[in-house]
Amino acid sequence: MTTRDSNGTPLSEGDSVTLIKDLKVKGTSVTLKRGTMVKGIHLTDDPAEIECRVERVKGLVLRTEFVKKA
């Protein structure tokens, strides 16, 4: 099964994505704003989730329904 973004575009290892919604990061005071660019994503075993590194947060897991391919 392929990993797809919110628009249905296939995502691959190392792609850049953009957030389509403000997201609060659990366990921190960081809020990721809509339009934030995330570079170098890592695909996981679950096609609905990707791993990435944003600002001060490492090992962040994002749901693909909140991102679009840049």
N, C-alpha and C. Protein backbone atom coordinates (compact mmCIF):
# COMPACT_ATOMS: atom_id res chain seq x y z
N MET A 1 0.84 -1.19 0.00
CA MET A 1 0.00 0.00 0.00
C MET A 1 0.88 1.25 0.00
N THR A 2 0.53 2.23 -0.81
CA THR A 2 1.35 3.42 -0.91
C THR A 2 0.90 4.49 0.09
N THR A 3 1.86 5.30 0.50
CA THR A 3 1.57 6.41 1.39
C THR A 3 1.15 7.60 0.55
N ARG A 4 0.01 8.20 0.88
CA ARG A 4 -0.51 9.33 0.09
C ARG A 4 -0.80 10.52 1.01
N ASP A 5 -0.66 11.73 0.44
CA ASP A 5 -0.95 12.94 1.21
C ASP A 5 -2.45 13.23 1.21
N SER A 6 -2.84 14.38 1.72
CA SER A 6 -4.27 14.72 1.85
C SER A 6 -4.96 14.85 0.50
N ASN A 7 -4.21 15.13 -0.58
CA ASN A 7 -4.79 15.26 -1.91
C ASN A 7 -4.72 13.96 -2.71
N GLY A 8 -4.14 12.91 -2.12
CA GLY A 8 -4.04 11.63 -2.82
C GLY A 8 -2.77 11.46 -3.63
N THR A 9 -1.85 12.42 -3.52
CA THR A 9 -0.57 12.33 -4.23
C THR A 9 0.36 11.36 -3.50
N PRO A 10 0.97 10.42 -4.21
CA PRO A 10 1.87 9.46 -3.56
C PRO A 10 3.10 10.16 -2.96
N LEU A 11 3.51 9.75 -1.77
CA LEU A 11 4.69 10.28 -1.11
C LEU A 11 5.78 9.23 -1.13
N SER A 12 7.04 9.68 -1.23
CA SER A 12 8.15 8.73 -1.19
C SER A 12 9.18 9.22 -0.18
N GLU A 13 10.11 8.34 0.16
CA GLU A 13 11.17 8.61 1.14
C GLU A 13 11.93 9.88 0.74
N GLY A 14 12.10 10.82 1.69
CA GLY A 14 12.88 12.03 1.45
C GLY A 14 12.13 13.18 0.83
N ASP A 15 10.84 13.02 0.56
CA ASP A 15 10.03 14.12 -0.01
C ASP A 15 9.91 15.28 0.97
N SER A 16 9.52 16.43 0.44
CA SER A 16 9.18 17.59 1.27
C SER A 16 7.67 17.74 1.26
N VAL A 17 7.11 18.07 2.43
CA VAL A 17 5.67 18.26 2.54
C VAL A 17 5.38 19.56 3.27
N THR A 18 4.15 20.05 3.12
CA THR A 18 3.70 21.27 3.77
C THR A 18 2.48 20.95 4.63
N LEU A 19 2.42 21.53 5.83
CA LEU A 19 1.27 21.31 6.71
C LEU A 19 0.07 22.08 6.19
N ILE A 20 -1.12 21.48 6.27
CA ILE A 20 -2.34 22.15 5.81
C ILE A 20 -3.21 22.60 6.98
N LYS A 21 -2.72 22.42 8.21
CA LYS A 21 -3.50 22.75 9.40
C LYS A 21 -2.54 23.04 10.55
N ASP A 22 -2.90 23.95 11.45
CA ASP A 22 -2.10 24.17 12.66
C ASP A 22 -2.19 22.93 13.54
N LEU A 23 -1.05 22.45 14.01
CA LEU A 23 -1.03 21.24 14.82
C LEU A 23 -0.28 21.49 16.12
N LYS A 24 -0.88 21.11 17.24
CA LYS A 24 -0.20 21.18 18.53
C LYS A 24 0.55 19.87 18.73
N VAL A 25 1.80 19.97 19.18
CA VAL A 25 2.62 18.78 19.40
C VAL A 25 2.45 18.35 20.85
N LYS A 26 1.95 17.13 21.05
CA LYS A 26 1.73 16.63 22.41
C LYS A 26 3.04 16.55 23.18
N GLY A 27 2.99 16.92 24.44
CA GLY A 27 4.16 16.83 25.30
C GLY A 27 5.11 18.00 25.19
N THR A 28 4.81 18.97 24.32
CA THR A 28 5.64 20.16 24.20
C THR A 28 4.74 21.39 24.13
N SER A 29 5.35 22.57 24.14
CA SER A 29 4.59 23.80 24.01
C SER A 29 4.60 24.29 22.55
N VAL A 30 5.11 23.46 21.64
CA VAL A 30 5.26 23.85 20.24
C VAL A 30 3.94 23.66 19.48
N THR A 31 3.58 24.67 18.68
CA THR A 31 2.47 24.56 17.75
C THR A 31 3.04 24.74 16.36
N LEU A 32 2.83 23.76 15.50
CA LEU A 32 3.30 23.85 14.12
C LEU A 32 2.24 24.57 13.31
N LYS A 33 2.64 25.64 12.65
CA LYS A 33 1.69 26.47 11.91
C LYS A 33 1.40 25.92 10.52
N ARG A 34 0.22 26.22 10.03
CA ARG A 34 -0.17 25.86 8.67
C ARG A 34 0.83 26.48 7.69
N GLY A 35 1.25 25.73 6.69
CA GLY A 35 2.20 26.24 5.71
C GLY A 35 3.65 25.93 6.05
N THR A 36 3.91 25.31 7.21
CA THR A 36 5.26 24.94 7.60
C THR A 36 5.79 23.86 6.66
N MET A 37 7.00 24.09 6.13
CA MET A 37 7.62 23.13 5.22
C MET A 37 8.41 22.10 6.02
N VAL A 38 8.19 20.83 5.74
CA VAL A 38 8.91 19.74 6.38
C VAL A 38 9.71 19.03 5.31
N LYS A 39 11.03 19.00 5.45
CA LYS A 39 11.89 18.39 4.43
C LYS A 39 12.39 17.03 4.89
N GLY A 40 12.60 16.14 3.95
CA GLY A 40 13.21 14.85 4.24
C GLY A 40 12.37 13.94 5.12
N ILE A 41 11.15 13.66 4.69
CA ILE A 41 10.29 12.79 5.49
C ILE A 41 10.77 11.34 5.42
N HIS A 42 10.35 10.55 6.40
CA HIS A 42 10.68 9.13 6.46
C HIS A 42 9.38 8.35 6.52
N LEU A 43 9.20 7.40 5.61
CA LEU A 43 7.98 6.60 5.59
C LEU A 43 8.01 5.56 6.70
N THR A 44 6.85 5.24 7.26
CA THR A 44 6.74 4.23 8.31
C THR A 44 5.99 3.01 7.77
N ASP A 45 5.84 2.00 8.61
CA ASP A 45 5.10 0.80 8.21
C ASP A 45 3.61 1.11 8.01
N ASP A 46 3.12 2.14 8.70
CA ASP A 46 1.72 2.55 8.58
C ASP A 46 1.59 3.58 7.47
N PRO A 47 0.83 3.30 6.40
CA PRO A 47 0.71 4.26 5.29
C PRO A 47 0.00 5.56 5.67
N ALA A 48 -0.61 5.64 6.85
CA ALA A 48 -1.29 6.86 7.27
C ALA A 48 -0.39 7.76 8.11
N GLU A 49 0.88 7.38 8.32
CA GLU A 49 1.80 8.17 9.15
C GLU A 49 3.16 8.31 8.50
N ILE A 50 3.80 9.47 8.75
CA ILE A 50 5.18 9.70 8.32
C ILE A 50 5.98 10.22 9.50
N GLU A 51 7.28 9.98 9.48
CA GLU A 51 8.17 10.51 10.50
C GLU A 51 8.92 11.69 9.92
N CYS A 52 9.20 12.70 10.77
CA CYS A 52 9.94 13.86 10.29
C CYS A 52 10.61 14.57 11.46
N ARG A 53 11.37 15.59 11.13
CA ARG A 53 12.05 16.39 12.12
C ARG A 53 11.68 17.85 11.82
N VAL A 54 11.08 18.53 12.80
CA VAL A 54 10.63 19.91 12.60
C VAL A 54 11.12 20.76 13.75
N GLU A 55 11.70 21.90 13.44
CA GLU A 55 12.19 22.85 14.44
C GLU A 55 12.96 22.14 15.55
N ARG A 56 12.45 22.18 16.77
CA ARG A 56 13.15 21.57 17.91
C ARG A 56 12.63 20.17 18.22
N VAL A 57 11.70 19.66 17.40
CA VAL A 57 11.08 18.38 17.67
C VAL A 57 11.67 17.31 16.75
N LYS A 58 12.34 16.31 17.34
CA LYS A 58 12.92 15.23 16.55
C LYS A 58 12.05 13.99 16.69
N GLY A 59 12.01 13.17 15.64
CA GLY A 59 11.24 11.93 15.69
C GLY A 59 9.74 12.16 15.75
N LEU A 60 9.28 13.24 15.15
CA LEU A 60 7.86 13.57 15.15
C LEU A 60 7.12 12.69 14.14
N VAL A 61 5.97 12.16 14.54
CA VAL A 61 5.14 11.36 13.63
C VAL A 61 3.92 12.18 13.27
N LEU A 62 3.71 12.39 11.97
CA LEU A 62 2.56 13.16 11.48
C LEU A 62 1.62 12.25 10.72
N ARG A 63 0.33 12.52 10.84
CA ARG A 63 -0.68 11.83 10.04
C ARG A 63 -0.65 12.44 8.64
N THR A 64 -0.74 11.61 7.62
CA THR A 64 -0.66 12.10 6.24
C THR A 64 -1.88 12.93 5.85
N GLU A 65 -2.97 12.84 6.60
CA GLU A 65 -4.15 13.65 6.29
C GLU A 65 -3.93 15.14 6.56
N PHE A 66 -2.84 15.50 7.25
CA PHE A 66 -2.55 16.90 7.55
C PHE A 66 -1.42 17.48 6.73
N VAL A 67 -0.94 16.77 5.72
CA VAL A 67 0.16 17.28 4.90
C VAL A 67 -0.18 17.18 3.41
N LYS A 68 0.48 18.04 2.62
CA LYS A 68 0.40 17.92 1.17
C LYS A 68 1.82 18.00 0.62
N LYS A 69 2.05 17.33 -0.50
CA LYS A 69 3.38 17.30 -1.10
C LYS A 69 3.76 18.70 -1.58
N ALA A 70 5.00 19.09 -1.31
CA ALA A 70 5.47 20.42 -1.68
C ALA A 70 5.95 20.44 -3.12
